[in-house]
Amino acid sequence: MNGIHDLGGMAGFGPVAAEPERTEPNFHADWEPAVLSSMYATLRLRRWSIDEFRLTIERSAPVDYLRRSYYEKWLVALEELVVRHGVLSAEELASGRVSAPPSPNDRPWTPSFELPDGPARFTDGQAVRAVNRHPSGHTRAPRYVRGRVGTVVRAVGAEPLPEDAAAGVCTPQRLYLVRFEAAELWGPDSGGNDAVYLELWESYLEEIA
């Protein structure tokens, strides 16, 4: 979706005040490692996919998304997901006390990474265009790349299609590493010979007529 979460690579939002890589800490608060551990632990329950987790964050109100820190977004999403999928009740979450075992896991998330039948649609070195669409749900195609032309570097196996995975449906699809020149994405003023490499699903790309 075209939400507040998808501002990366877009012009007009001011400079990014990044911390120096050599001195940037892994965490900025004592509680953040627990959130990271909880995210990975709950994924192992197979109640939801990483894409449903991402979609839950993306659906935050814009003001909440902007004011929350990175791991605050994770924590709020986890709280919503454990209740939605019957791991905890809202009362248990609020009290910190578990009164009953989790509800049965009737629809476990079982991702598949099997390559689809048939040949790959795109080949190494082929020029392709990122499909210019603006879905209302989850997608892993950033806004700034849509409609832009890049070059396939190589096929990189298969991954569940994010749009379906966010709804609990596993649809393996071929994935490609694609190089986009900075000038193609941001115009001649981008400067230098910079390029962006993105892994994009097959349905995110189209042939150039």
N, C-alpha and C. Protein backbone atom coordinates (compact mmCIF):
# COMPACT_ATOMS: atom_id res chain seq x y z
N MET A 1 0.85 -1.19 0.00
CA MET A 1 0.00 0.00 0.00
C MET A 1 0.88 1.24 0.00
N ASN A 2 0.32 2.34 -0.43
CA ASN A 2 1.05 3.61 -0.41
C ASN A 2 0.78 4.30 0.93
N GLY A 3 1.50 3.86 1.94
CA GLY A 3 1.28 4.39 3.28
C GLY A 3 2.44 5.21 3.78
N ILE A 4 2.31 5.66 5.01
CA ILE A 4 3.34 6.50 5.63
C ILE A 4 4.64 5.72 5.80
N HIS A 5 4.56 4.40 5.80
CA HIS A 5 5.75 3.57 5.97
C HIS A 5 6.64 3.56 4.73
N ASP A 6 6.09 3.97 3.57
CA ASP A 6 6.81 3.83 2.30
C ASP A 6 7.31 5.17 1.79
N LEU A 7 8.14 5.82 2.59
CA LEU A 7 8.70 7.11 2.20
C LEU A 7 10.15 6.98 1.74
N GLY A 8 10.75 5.82 1.94
CA GLY A 8 12.14 5.63 1.58
C GLY A 8 12.39 5.85 0.09
N GLY A 9 13.44 6.59 -0.24
CA GLY A 9 13.78 6.83 -1.63
C GLY A 9 12.98 7.93 -2.29
N MET A 10 12.04 8.55 -1.57
CA MET A 10 11.22 9.61 -2.16
C MET A 10 11.80 10.97 -1.81
N ALA A 11 11.68 11.90 -2.74
CA ALA A 11 12.21 13.25 -2.55
C ALA A 11 11.22 14.11 -1.77
N GLY A 12 11.75 15.13 -1.09
CA GLY A 12 10.90 16.11 -0.47
C GLY A 12 10.65 15.92 1.01
N PHE A 13 11.31 14.95 1.64
CA PHE A 13 11.06 14.70 3.06
C PHE A 13 12.27 15.05 3.93
N GLY A 14 13.23 15.74 3.36
CA GLY A 14 14.37 16.19 4.13
C GLY A 14 15.45 15.13 4.25
N PRO A 15 16.61 15.51 4.81
CA PRO A 15 17.74 14.57 4.91
C PRO A 15 17.48 13.50 5.97
N VAL A 16 18.17 12.39 5.81
CA VAL A 16 18.10 11.30 6.79
C VAL A 16 19.25 11.50 7.79
N ALA A 17 18.90 11.62 9.05
CA ALA A 17 19.91 11.83 10.10
C ALA A 17 20.36 10.47 10.61
N ALA A 18 21.19 9.81 9.82
CA ALA A 18 21.64 8.46 10.17
C ALA A 18 22.76 8.51 11.19
N GLU A 19 22.76 7.55 12.11
CA GLU A 19 23.86 7.43 13.06
C GLU A 19 25.07 6.83 12.36
N PRO A 20 26.27 7.21 12.76
CA PRO A 20 27.46 6.61 12.14
C PRO A 20 27.45 5.10 12.32
N GLU A 21 27.71 4.38 11.24
CA GLU A 21 27.59 2.92 11.28
C GLU A 21 28.52 2.30 12.31
N ARG A 22 29.71 2.86 12.47
CA ARG A 22 30.69 2.26 13.39
C ARG A 22 30.30 2.43 14.85
N THR A 23 29.51 3.43 15.17
CA THR A 23 29.16 3.69 16.56
C THR A 23 27.68 3.45 16.87
N GLU A 24 26.90 3.12 15.87
CA GLU A 24 25.47 2.92 16.09
C GLU A 24 25.25 1.67 16.94
N PRO A 25 24.55 1.79 18.07
CA PRO A 25 24.31 0.61 18.91
C PRO A 25 23.24 -0.29 18.29
N ASN A 26 23.27 -1.55 18.66
CA ASN A 26 22.23 -2.47 18.19
C ASN A 26 20.87 -2.12 18.77
N PHE A 27 20.86 -1.61 19.99
CA PHE A 27 19.61 -1.25 20.66
C PHE A 27 19.79 0.10 21.35
N HIS A 28 18.67 0.79 21.53
CA HIS A 28 18.71 2.11 22.16
C HIS A 28 17.99 2.11 23.51
N ALA A 29 17.42 0.99 23.91
CA ALA A 29 16.75 0.89 25.22
C ALA A 29 16.87 -0.55 25.71
N ASP A 30 16.81 -0.72 27.03
CA ASP A 30 17.02 -2.04 27.62
C ASP A 30 15.93 -3.04 27.23
N TRP A 31 14.72 -2.56 26.92
CA TRP A 31 13.61 -3.46 26.63
C TRP A 31 13.61 -3.95 25.17
N GLU A 32 14.38 -3.32 24.31
CA GLU A 32 14.32 -3.65 22.88
C GLU A 32 14.79 -5.07 22.56
N PRO A 33 15.84 -5.62 23.19
CA PRO A 33 16.21 -7.01 22.88
C PRO A 33 15.08 -8.00 23.16
N ALA A 34 14.28 -7.73 24.20
CA ALA A 34 13.16 -8.62 24.51
C ALA A 34 12.12 -8.60 23.39
N VAL A 35 11.90 -7.45 22.79
CA VAL A 35 10.94 -7.36 21.68
C VAL A 35 11.46 -8.12 20.47
N LEU A 36 12.75 -7.97 20.18
CA LEU A 36 13.35 -8.71 19.07
C LEU A 36 13.21 -10.22 19.29
N SER A 37 13.53 -10.69 20.49
CA SER A 37 13.42 -12.11 20.80
C SER A 37 11.97 -12.58 20.70
N SER A 38 11.05 -11.77 21.17
CA SER A 38 9.63 -12.15 21.13
C SER A 38 9.12 -12.26 19.70
N MET A 39 9.59 -11.38 18.83
CA MET A 39 9.15 -11.45 17.44
C MET A 39 9.57 -12.77 16.81
N TYR A 40 10.83 -13.15 17.00
CA TYR A 40 11.31 -14.40 16.41
C TYR A 40 10.66 -15.61 17.07
N ALA A 41 10.45 -15.54 18.38
CA ALA A 41 9.82 -16.66 19.08
C ALA A 41 8.39 -16.87 18.62
N THR A 42 7.64 -15.80 18.45
CA THR A 42 6.24 -15.95 18.04
C THR A 42 6.12 -16.37 16.58
N LEU A 43 7.06 -15.99 15.75
CA LEU A 43 7.04 -16.48 14.37
C LEU A 43 7.17 -18.00 14.33
N ARG A 44 7.89 -18.57 15.28
CA ARG A 44 8.07 -20.01 15.33
C ARG A 44 6.78 -20.74 15.70
N LEU A 45 5.80 -20.01 16.22
CA LEU A 45 4.50 -20.61 16.50
C LEU A 45 3.72 -20.89 15.22
N ARG A 46 4.15 -20.27 14.12
CA ARG A 46 3.53 -20.44 12.81
C ARG A 46 2.06 -20.00 12.80
N ARG A 47 1.76 -18.96 13.56
CA ARG A 47 0.41 -18.39 13.55
C ARG A 47 0.26 -17.35 12.44
N TRP A 48 1.36 -16.71 12.09
CA TRP A 48 1.32 -15.66 11.07
C TRP A 48 2.66 -15.61 10.35
N SER A 49 2.67 -14.96 9.22
CA SER A 49 3.89 -14.82 8.42
C SER A 49 4.57 -13.50 8.74
N ILE A 50 5.81 -13.37 8.31
CA ILE A 50 6.52 -12.12 8.47
C ILE A 50 5.81 -10.99 7.72
N ASP A 51 5.11 -11.34 6.64
CA ASP A 51 4.41 -10.30 5.88
C ASP A 51 3.15 -9.82 6.58
N GLU A 52 2.47 -10.71 7.32
CA GLU A 52 1.34 -10.24 8.12
C GLU A 52 1.84 -9.34 9.24
N PHE A 53 2.99 -9.67 9.80
CA PHE A 53 3.62 -8.81 10.80
C PHE A 53 3.91 -7.43 10.21
N ARG A 54 4.50 -7.41 9.00
CA ARG A 54 4.79 -6.12 8.36
C ARG A 54 3.52 -5.34 8.06
N LEU A 55 2.49 -6.04 7.56
CA LEU A 55 1.24 -5.36 7.23
C LEU A 55 0.61 -4.76 8.48
N THR A 56 0.71 -5.44 9.60
CA THR A 56 0.15 -4.91 10.84
C THR A 56 0.83 -3.60 11.22
N ILE A 57 2.13 -3.53 11.03
CA ILE A 57 2.85 -2.27 11.28
C ILE A 57 2.41 -1.20 10.28
N GLU A 58 2.28 -1.58 9.02
CA GLU A 58 1.95 -0.61 7.97
C GLU A 58 0.56 0.00 8.16
N ARG A 59 -0.32 -0.72 8.84
CA ARG A 59 -1.68 -0.22 9.06
C ARG A 59 -1.79 0.74 10.23
N SER A 60 -0.68 1.04 10.87
CA SER A 60 -0.70 2.01 11.96
C SER A 60 -1.17 3.36 11.45
N ALA A 61 -1.82 4.12 12.32
CA ALA A 61 -2.18 5.49 11.96
C ALA A 61 -0.90 6.27 11.67
N PRO A 62 -0.89 7.13 10.64
CA PRO A 62 0.34 7.84 10.28
C PRO A 62 1.01 8.54 11.45
N VAL A 63 0.23 9.19 12.32
CA VAL A 63 0.84 9.91 13.44
C VAL A 63 1.51 8.93 14.40
N ASP A 64 0.92 7.74 14.58
CA ASP A 64 1.53 6.74 15.45
C ASP A 64 2.78 6.16 14.81
N TYR A 65 2.73 5.91 13.52
CA TYR A 65 3.89 5.35 12.84
C TYR A 65 5.09 6.29 12.94
N LEU A 66 4.86 7.59 12.80
CA LEU A 66 5.96 8.55 12.82
C LEU A 66 6.50 8.79 14.22
N ARG A 67 5.66 8.70 15.23
CA ARG A 67 6.13 9.02 16.59
C ARG A 67 6.76 7.82 17.29
N ARG A 68 6.46 6.62 16.83
CA ARG A 68 6.99 5.43 17.50
C ARG A 68 8.39 5.11 17.00
N SER A 69 9.21 4.58 17.89
CA SER A 69 10.53 4.11 17.49
C SER A 69 10.40 2.79 16.75
N TYR A 70 11.51 2.32 16.21
CA TYR A 70 11.53 1.08 15.43
C TYR A 70 10.93 -0.09 16.22
N TYR A 71 11.44 -0.32 17.42
CA TYR A 71 10.97 -1.47 18.19
C TYR A 71 9.63 -1.20 18.87
N GLU A 72 9.24 0.03 19.05
CA GLU A 72 7.88 0.31 19.50
C GLU A 72 6.87 -0.15 18.46
N LYS A 73 7.17 0.06 17.19
CA LYS A 73 6.30 -0.43 16.12
C LYS A 73 6.18 -1.95 16.20
N TRP A 74 7.30 -2.61 16.41
CA TRP A 74 7.29 -4.08 16.53
C TRP A 74 6.42 -4.52 17.71
N LEU A 75 6.59 -3.88 18.86
CA LEU A 75 5.88 -4.28 20.06
C LEU A 75 4.37 -4.14 19.87
N VAL A 76 3.92 -3.02 19.32
CA VAL A 76 2.49 -2.80 19.11
C VAL A 76 1.93 -3.84 18.14
N ALA A 77 2.68 -4.16 17.09
CA ALA A 77 2.23 -5.16 16.13
C ALA A 77 2.13 -6.54 16.78
N LEU A 78 3.12 -6.91 17.59
CA LEU A 78 3.08 -8.20 18.27
C LEU A 78 1.90 -8.29 19.22
N GLU A 79 1.61 -7.22 19.94
CA GLU A 79 0.46 -7.22 20.84
C GLU A 79 -0.83 -7.45 20.07
N GLU A 80 -0.95 -6.84 18.91
CA GLU A 80 -2.15 -7.03 18.10
C GLU A 80 -2.24 -8.45 17.55
N LEU A 81 -1.12 -9.00 17.10
CA LEU A 81 -1.11 -10.31 16.47
C LEU A 81 -1.40 -11.44 17.46
N VAL A 82 -0.85 -11.38 18.66
CA VAL A 82 -1.08 -12.47 19.61
C VAL A 82 -2.54 -12.55 20.03
N VAL A 83 -3.22 -11.41 20.06
CA VAL A 83 -4.65 -11.42 20.36
C VAL A 83 -5.45 -11.88 19.15
N ARG A 84 -5.10 -11.37 17.99
CA ARG A 84 -5.82 -11.73 16.76
C ARG A 84 -5.79 -13.23 16.51
N HIS A 85 -4.66 -13.86 16.80
CA HIS A 85 -4.49 -15.28 16.49
C HIS A 85 -4.67 -16.20 17.70
N GLY A 86 -5.20 -15.67 18.78
CA GLY A 86 -5.58 -16.53 19.90
C GLY A 86 -4.45 -17.04 20.76
N VAL A 87 -3.27 -16.42 20.66
CA VAL A 87 -2.16 -16.83 21.53
C VAL A 87 -2.42 -16.33 22.95
N LEU A 88 -2.91 -15.11 23.08
CA LEU A 88 -3.30 -14.51 24.34
C LEU A 88 -4.62 -13.77 24.16
N SER A 89 -5.37 -13.61 25.23
CA SER A 89 -6.55 -12.76 25.17
C SER A 89 -6.13 -11.33 25.49
N ALA A 90 -7.00 -10.39 25.19
CA ALA A 90 -6.70 -9.00 25.49
C ALA A 90 -6.53 -8.80 27.00
N GLU A 91 -7.32 -9.52 27.78
CA GLU A 91 -7.23 -9.42 29.24
C GLU A 91 -5.90 -9.97 29.74
N GLU A 92 -5.47 -11.11 29.19
CA GLU A 92 -4.19 -11.69 29.58
C GLU A 92 -3.03 -10.77 29.23
N LEU A 93 -3.12 -10.17 28.05
CA LEU A 93 -2.06 -9.25 27.62
C LEU A 93 -1.98 -8.05 28.55
N ALA A 94 -3.14 -7.53 28.94
CA ALA A 94 -3.15 -6.34 29.80
C ALA A 94 -2.68 -6.65 31.22
N SER A 95 -3.02 -7.83 31.71
CA SER A 95 -2.69 -8.18 33.09
C SER A 95 -1.31 -8.81 33.23
N GLY A 96 -0.79 -9.41 32.14
CA GLY A 96 0.47 -10.13 32.22
C GLY A 96 0.32 -11.50 32.84
N ARG A 97 -0.91 -11.99 32.99
CA ARG A 97 -1.17 -13.30 33.58
C ARG A 97 -1.96 -14.16 32.61
N VAL A 98 -1.46 -15.37 32.36
CA VAL A 98 -2.12 -16.29 31.44
C VAL A 98 -3.09 -17.17 32.21
N SER A 99 -4.34 -17.20 31.79
CA SER A 99 -5.36 -17.96 32.50
C SER A 99 -5.78 -19.23 31.79
N ALA A 100 -5.42 -19.35 30.50
CA ALA A 100 -5.83 -20.53 29.73
C ALA A 100 -4.81 -20.78 28.64
N PRO A 101 -4.69 -22.04 28.16
CA PRO A 101 -3.76 -22.31 27.06
C PRO A 101 -4.22 -21.62 25.78
N PRO A 102 -3.31 -21.38 24.85
CA PRO A 102 -3.71 -20.73 23.59
C PRO A 102 -4.75 -21.57 22.84
N SER A 103 -5.54 -20.87 22.02
CA SER A 103 -6.52 -21.58 21.19
C SER A 103 -5.79 -22.45 20.18
N PRO A 104 -6.44 -23.53 19.69
CA PRO A 104 -5.77 -24.42 18.73
C PRO A 104 -5.30 -23.67 17.48
N ASN A 105 -4.18 -24.11 16.96
CA ASN A 105 -3.62 -23.51 15.75
C ASN A 105 -4.19 -24.25 14.54
N ASP A 106 -5.37 -23.81 14.09
CA ASP A 106 -6.08 -24.52 13.03
C ASP A 106 -5.49 -24.26 11.65
N ARG A 107 -4.80 -23.14 11.48
CA ARG A 107 -4.27 -22.79 10.16
C ARG A 107 -2.81 -22.41 10.28
N PRO A 108 -1.93 -23.35 10.53
CA PRO A 108 -0.51 -23.00 10.70
C PRO A 108 0.08 -22.43 9.42
N TRP A 109 0.93 -21.44 9.58
CA TRP A 109 1.63 -20.84 8.44
C TRP A 109 2.79 -21.74 8.07
N THR A 110 2.74 -22.30 6.87
CA THR A 110 3.79 -23.22 6.41
C THR A 110 4.34 -22.70 5.09
N PRO A 111 5.36 -21.85 5.13
CA PRO A 111 5.91 -21.28 3.91
C PRO A 111 6.59 -22.32 3.04
N SER A 112 6.48 -22.14 1.73
CA SER A 112 7.16 -23.00 0.77
C SER A 112 8.06 -22.15 -0.11
N PHE A 113 9.23 -22.71 -0.44
CA PHE A 113 10.19 -22.00 -1.27
C PHE A 113 10.50 -22.78 -2.54
N GLU A 114 9.55 -23.63 -2.93
CA GLU A 114 9.72 -24.44 -4.13
C GLU A 114 9.56 -23.55 -5.38
N LEU A 115 10.44 -23.75 -6.34
CA LEU A 115 10.33 -23.00 -7.60
C LEU A 115 9.06 -23.42 -8.34
N PRO A 116 8.31 -22.48 -8.88
CA PRO A 116 7.14 -22.83 -9.69
C PRO A 116 7.55 -23.65 -10.91
N ASP A 117 6.61 -24.41 -11.45
CA ASP A 117 6.88 -25.17 -12.66
C ASP A 117 7.12 -24.24 -13.84
N GLY A 118 7.90 -24.72 -14.79
CA GLY A 118 8.16 -23.95 -16.01
C GLY A 118 9.39 -23.10 -15.91
N PRO A 119 9.82 -22.54 -17.03
CA PRO A 119 11.05 -21.73 -17.06
C PRO A 119 10.84 -20.36 -16.42
N ALA A 120 11.96 -19.75 -16.04
CA ALA A 120 11.91 -18.39 -15.51
C ALA A 120 11.46 -17.43 -16.61
N ARG A 121 10.69 -16.46 -16.23
CA ARG A 121 10.17 -15.50 -17.22
C ARG A 121 11.25 -14.54 -17.71
N PHE A 122 12.21 -14.23 -16.84
CA PHE A 122 13.26 -13.26 -17.17
C PHE A 122 14.63 -13.92 -17.09
N THR A 123 15.57 -13.38 -17.85
CA THR A 123 16.92 -13.95 -17.91
C THR A 123 17.94 -12.92 -17.44
N ASP A 124 19.13 -13.39 -17.07
CA ASP A 124 20.21 -12.51 -16.64
C ASP A 124 20.53 -11.49 -17.73
N GLY A 125 20.66 -10.24 -17.34
CA GLY A 125 21.00 -9.18 -18.29
C GLY A 125 19.81 -8.57 -19.01
N GLN A 126 18.62 -9.09 -18.79
CA GLN A 126 17.43 -8.59 -19.49
C GLN A 126 16.95 -7.30 -18.86
N ALA A 127 16.58 -6.34 -19.70
CA ALA A 127 15.98 -5.09 -19.22
C ALA A 127 14.52 -5.34 -18.88
N VAL A 128 14.09 -4.86 -17.73
CA VAL A 128 12.71 -5.05 -17.28
C VAL A 128 12.20 -3.74 -16.68
N ARG A 129 10.89 -3.65 -16.58
CA ARG A 129 10.28 -2.48 -15.94
C ARG A 129 9.50 -2.96 -14.71
N ALA A 130 9.66 -2.25 -13.61
CA ALA A 130 8.86 -2.55 -12.42
C ALA A 130 7.42 -2.11 -12.70
N VAL A 131 6.49 -3.01 -12.46
CA VAL A 131 5.08 -2.73 -12.74
C VAL A 131 4.64 -1.51 -11.92
N ASN A 132 3.95 -0.59 -12.56
CA ASN A 132 3.49 0.63 -11.90
C ASN A 132 2.06 0.42 -11.39
N ARG A 133 1.97 -0.07 -10.17
CA ARG A 133 0.66 -0.28 -9.57
C ARG A 133 0.71 0.19 -8.13
N HIS A 134 -0.44 0.45 -7.58
CA HIS A 134 -0.53 1.01 -6.24
C HIS A 134 -1.56 0.22 -5.44
N PRO A 135 -1.15 -0.95 -4.94
CA PRO A 135 -2.10 -1.83 -4.25
C PRO A 135 -2.59 -1.25 -2.94
N SER A 136 -3.79 -1.65 -2.55
CA SER A 136 -4.36 -1.18 -1.28
C SER A 136 -3.84 -1.99 -0.10
N GLY A 137 -3.25 -3.17 -0.38
CA GLY A 137 -2.73 -4.01 0.69
C GLY A 137 -1.22 -4.01 0.71
N HIS A 138 -0.67 -5.08 1.28
CA HIS A 138 0.77 -5.19 1.48
C HIS A 138 1.49 -5.48 0.17
N THR A 139 2.67 -4.91 0.00
CA THR A 139 3.53 -5.21 -1.14
C THR A 139 4.97 -4.93 -0.71
N ARG A 140 5.92 -5.57 -1.40
CA ARG A 140 7.33 -5.32 -1.12
C ARG A 140 7.98 -4.57 -2.28
N ALA A 141 7.18 -4.01 -3.17
CA ALA A 141 7.70 -3.18 -4.25
C ALA A 141 7.62 -1.72 -3.80
N PRO A 142 8.75 -1.08 -3.49
CA PRO A 142 8.69 0.29 -3.01
C PRO A 142 8.17 1.25 -4.07
N ARG A 143 7.53 2.30 -3.61
CA ARG A 143 6.90 3.26 -4.53
C ARG A 143 7.89 3.85 -5.52
N TYR A 144 9.10 4.16 -5.05
CA TYR A 144 10.03 4.90 -5.91
C TYR A 144 10.52 4.09 -7.11
N VAL A 145 10.33 2.76 -7.10
CA VAL A 145 10.84 1.94 -8.20
C VAL A 145 9.76 1.63 -9.24
N ARG A 146 8.52 1.86 -8.92
CA ARG A 146 7.43 1.48 -9.82
C ARG A 146 7.47 2.30 -11.11
N GLY A 147 7.39 1.59 -12.22
CA GLY A 147 7.45 2.22 -13.52
C GLY A 147 8.86 2.48 -14.03
N ARG A 148 9.87 2.12 -13.24
CA ARG A 148 11.26 2.36 -13.62
C ARG A 148 11.89 1.13 -14.27
N VAL A 149 12.87 1.39 -15.10
CA VAL A 149 13.53 0.32 -15.87
C VAL A 149 14.82 -0.09 -15.17
N GLY A 150 15.02 -1.40 -15.05
CA GLY A 150 16.24 -1.93 -14.47
C GLY A 150 16.74 -3.12 -15.27
N THR A 151 17.79 -3.74 -14.76
CA THR A 151 18.41 -4.88 -15.44
C THR A 151 18.46 -6.07 -14.50
N VAL A 152 17.99 -7.22 -14.96
CA VAL A 152 18.04 -8.43 -14.15
C VAL A 152 19.49 -8.85 -13.98
N VAL A 153 19.92 -9.00 -12.74
CA VAL A 153 21.27 -9.49 -12.46
C VAL A 153 21.27 -11.01 -12.45
N ARG A 154 20.30 -11.57 -11.73
CA ARG A 154 20.17 -13.03 -11.70
C ARG A 154 18.87 -13.41 -11.00
N ALA A 155 18.41 -14.63 -11.24
CA ALA A 155 17.30 -15.19 -10.48
C ALA A 155 17.84 -15.67 -9.14
N VAL A 156 17.05 -15.51 -8.09
CA VAL A 156 17.54 -15.85 -6.75
C VAL A 156 16.56 -16.79 -6.02
N GLY A 157 16.02 -17.76 -6.75
CA GLY A 157 15.15 -18.75 -6.12
C GLY A 157 13.71 -18.30 -6.05
N ALA A 158 13.01 -18.77 -5.03
CA ALA A 158 11.59 -18.47 -4.87
C ALA A 158 11.30 -18.11 -3.42
N GLU A 159 10.31 -17.25 -3.24
CA GLU A 159 9.84 -16.84 -1.92
C GLU A 159 8.32 -16.71 -1.98
N PRO A 160 7.63 -16.88 -0.85
CA PRO A 160 6.18 -16.64 -0.84
C PRO A 160 5.87 -15.20 -1.28
N LEU A 161 4.88 -15.05 -2.14
CA LEU A 161 4.47 -13.73 -2.61
C LEU A 161 3.93 -12.94 -1.41
N PRO A 162 4.51 -11.77 -1.12
CA PRO A 162 4.12 -11.04 0.09
C PRO A 162 2.64 -10.69 0.17
N GLU A 163 2.04 -10.31 -0.95
CA GLU A 163 0.63 -9.94 -0.94
C GLU A 163 -0.24 -11.08 -0.41
N ASP A 164 0.06 -12.31 -0.82
CA ASP A 164 -0.71 -13.47 -0.36
C ASP A 164 -0.29 -13.88 1.05
N ALA A 165 1.01 -13.84 1.31
CA ALA A 165 1.51 -14.25 2.62
C ALA A 165 0.91 -13.41 3.75
N ALA A 166 0.67 -12.13 3.48
CA ALA A 166 0.08 -11.25 4.48
C ALA A 166 -1.33 -11.70 4.86
N ALA A 167 -1.98 -12.46 3.96
CA ALA A 167 -3.31 -12.98 4.21
C ALA A 167 -3.28 -14.45 4.63
N GLY A 168 -2.08 -14.98 4.89
CA GLY A 168 -1.95 -16.35 5.34
C GLY A 168 -1.95 -17.39 4.25
N VAL A 169 -1.74 -16.96 3.00
CA VAL A 169 -1.73 -17.87 1.86
C VAL A 169 -0.32 -17.92 1.28
N CYS A 170 0.22 -19.12 1.10
CA CYS A 170 1.58 -19.26 0.58
C CYS A 170 1.54 -19.51 -0.92
N THR A 171 2.05 -18.56 -1.70
CA THR A 171 2.15 -18.69 -3.14
C THR A 171 3.60 -18.47 -3.54
N PRO A 172 4.40 -19.53 -3.65
CA PRO A 172 5.80 -19.34 -4.04
C PRO A 172 5.91 -18.72 -5.43
N GLN A 173 6.80 -17.76 -5.55
CA GLN A 173 7.00 -17.11 -6.85
C GLN A 173 8.48 -16.81 -7.02
N ARG A 174 8.93 -16.87 -8.27
CA ARG A 174 10.34 -16.58 -8.54
C ARG A 174 10.71 -15.16 -8.13
N LEU A 175 11.95 -15.05 -7.69
CA LEU A 175 12.48 -13.78 -7.22
C LEU A 175 13.71 -13.44 -8.05
N TYR A 176 13.89 -12.15 -8.36
CA TYR A 176 15.02 -11.71 -9.18
C TYR A 176 15.73 -10.56 -8.50
N LEU A 177 17.06 -10.57 -8.61
CA LEU A 177 17.85 -9.42 -8.21
C LEU A 177 17.95 -8.49 -9.40
N VAL A 178 17.49 -7.23 -9.22
CA VAL A 178 17.41 -6.27 -10.32
C VAL A 178 18.20 -5.02 -9.95
N ARG A 179 19.01 -4.54 -10.88
CA ARG A 179 19.80 -3.33 -10.68
C ARG A 179 19.09 -2.14 -11.34
N PHE A 180 18.92 -1.07 -10.57
CA PHE A 180 18.33 0.18 -11.08
C PHE A 180 19.37 1.29 -10.93
N GLU A 181 19.67 1.95 -12.02
CA GLU A 181 20.60 3.09 -11.95
C GLU A 181 19.94 4.23 -11.19
N ALA A 182 20.75 4.94 -10.39
CA ALA A 182 20.22 6.05 -9.60
C ALA A 182 19.57 7.11 -10.48
N ALA A 183 20.16 7.37 -11.65
CA ALA A 183 19.60 8.37 -12.55
C ALA A 183 18.22 7.95 -13.06
N GLU A 184 17.99 6.65 -13.21
CA GLU A 184 16.69 6.15 -13.64
C GLU A 184 15.63 6.37 -12.55
N LEU A 185 16.07 6.24 -11.31
CA LEU A 185 15.12 6.39 -10.20
C LEU A 185 14.87 7.84 -9.83
N TRP A 186 15.92 8.67 -9.85
CA TRP A 186 15.79 10.03 -9.31
C TRP A 186 16.25 11.12 -10.27
N GLY A 187 16.52 10.78 -11.51
CA GLY A 187 16.85 11.79 -12.49
C GLY A 187 18.33 12.10 -12.58
N PRO A 188 18.71 12.95 -13.52
CA PRO A 188 20.13 13.22 -13.77
C PRO A 188 20.86 13.90 -12.62
N ASP A 189 20.13 14.50 -11.71
CA ASP A 189 20.77 15.20 -10.60
C ASP A 189 21.17 14.25 -9.46
N SER A 190 20.90 12.96 -9.63
CA SER A 190 21.25 12.00 -8.57
C SER A 190 22.76 11.89 -8.40
N GLY A 191 23.51 12.12 -9.47
CA GLY A 191 24.96 12.19 -9.38
C GLY A 191 25.65 10.85 -9.32
N GLY A 192 26.86 10.82 -9.86
CA GLY A 192 27.70 9.63 -9.76
C GLY A 192 27.17 8.45 -10.56
N ASN A 193 27.76 7.29 -10.26
CA ASN A 193 27.37 6.06 -10.92
C ASN A 193 26.68 5.11 -9.94
N ASP A 194 25.94 5.66 -9.01
CA ASP A 194 25.28 4.85 -8.01
C ASP A 194 24.17 4.01 -8.62
N ALA A 195 23.85 2.90 -7.94
CA ALA A 195 22.77 2.03 -8.37
C ALA A 195 22.13 1.40 -7.15
N VAL A 196 20.90 1.00 -7.31
CA VAL A 196 20.15 0.31 -6.24
C VAL A 196 19.84 -1.10 -6.72
N TYR A 197 20.10 -2.08 -5.86
CA TYR A 197 19.78 -3.47 -6.16
C TYR A 197 18.59 -3.90 -5.31
N LEU A 198 17.57 -4.42 -5.97
CA LEU A 198 16.36 -4.86 -5.28
C LEU A 198 16.03 -6.29 -5.67
N GLU A 199 15.59 -7.08 -4.72
CA GLU A 199 15.04 -8.39 -5.02
C GLU A 199 13.53 -8.24 -5.20
N LEU A 200 13.06 -8.54 -6.39
CA LEU A 200 11.65 -8.31 -6.74
C LEU A 200 11.02 -9.60 -7.26
N TRP A 201 9.78 -9.80 -6.88
CA TRP A 201 9.04 -10.98 -7.33
C TRP A 201 8.68 -10.86 -8.80
N GLU A 202 8.47 -12.01 -9.44
CA GLU A 202 8.24 -12.03 -10.89
C GLU A 202 7.06 -11.18 -11.30
N SER A 203 5.97 -11.21 -10.52
CA SER A 203 4.79 -10.43 -10.88
C SER A 203 4.98 -8.94 -10.67
N TYR A 204 6.09 -8.55 -10.05
CA TYR A 204 6.40 -7.13 -9.88
C TYR A 204 7.07 -6.55 -11.12
N LEU A 205 7.43 -7.42 -12.08
CA LEU A 205 8.21 -7.00 -13.24
C LEU A 205 7.46 -7.28 -14.52
N GLU A 206 7.78 -6.52 -15.57
CA GLU A 206 7.19 -6.75 -16.87
C GLU A 206 8.26 -6.56 -17.95
N GLU A 207 8.04 -7.23 -19.07
CA GLU A 207 8.96 -7.08 -20.19
C GLU A 207 8.79 -5.71 -20.82
N ILE A 208 9.86 -5.23 -21.44
CA ILE A 208 9.81 -3.95 -22.14
C ILE A 208 9.53 -4.23 -23.61
N ALA A 209 8.45 -3.65 -24.10
CA ALA A 209 8.05 -3.90 -25.50
C ALA A 209 9.09 -3.31 -26.46
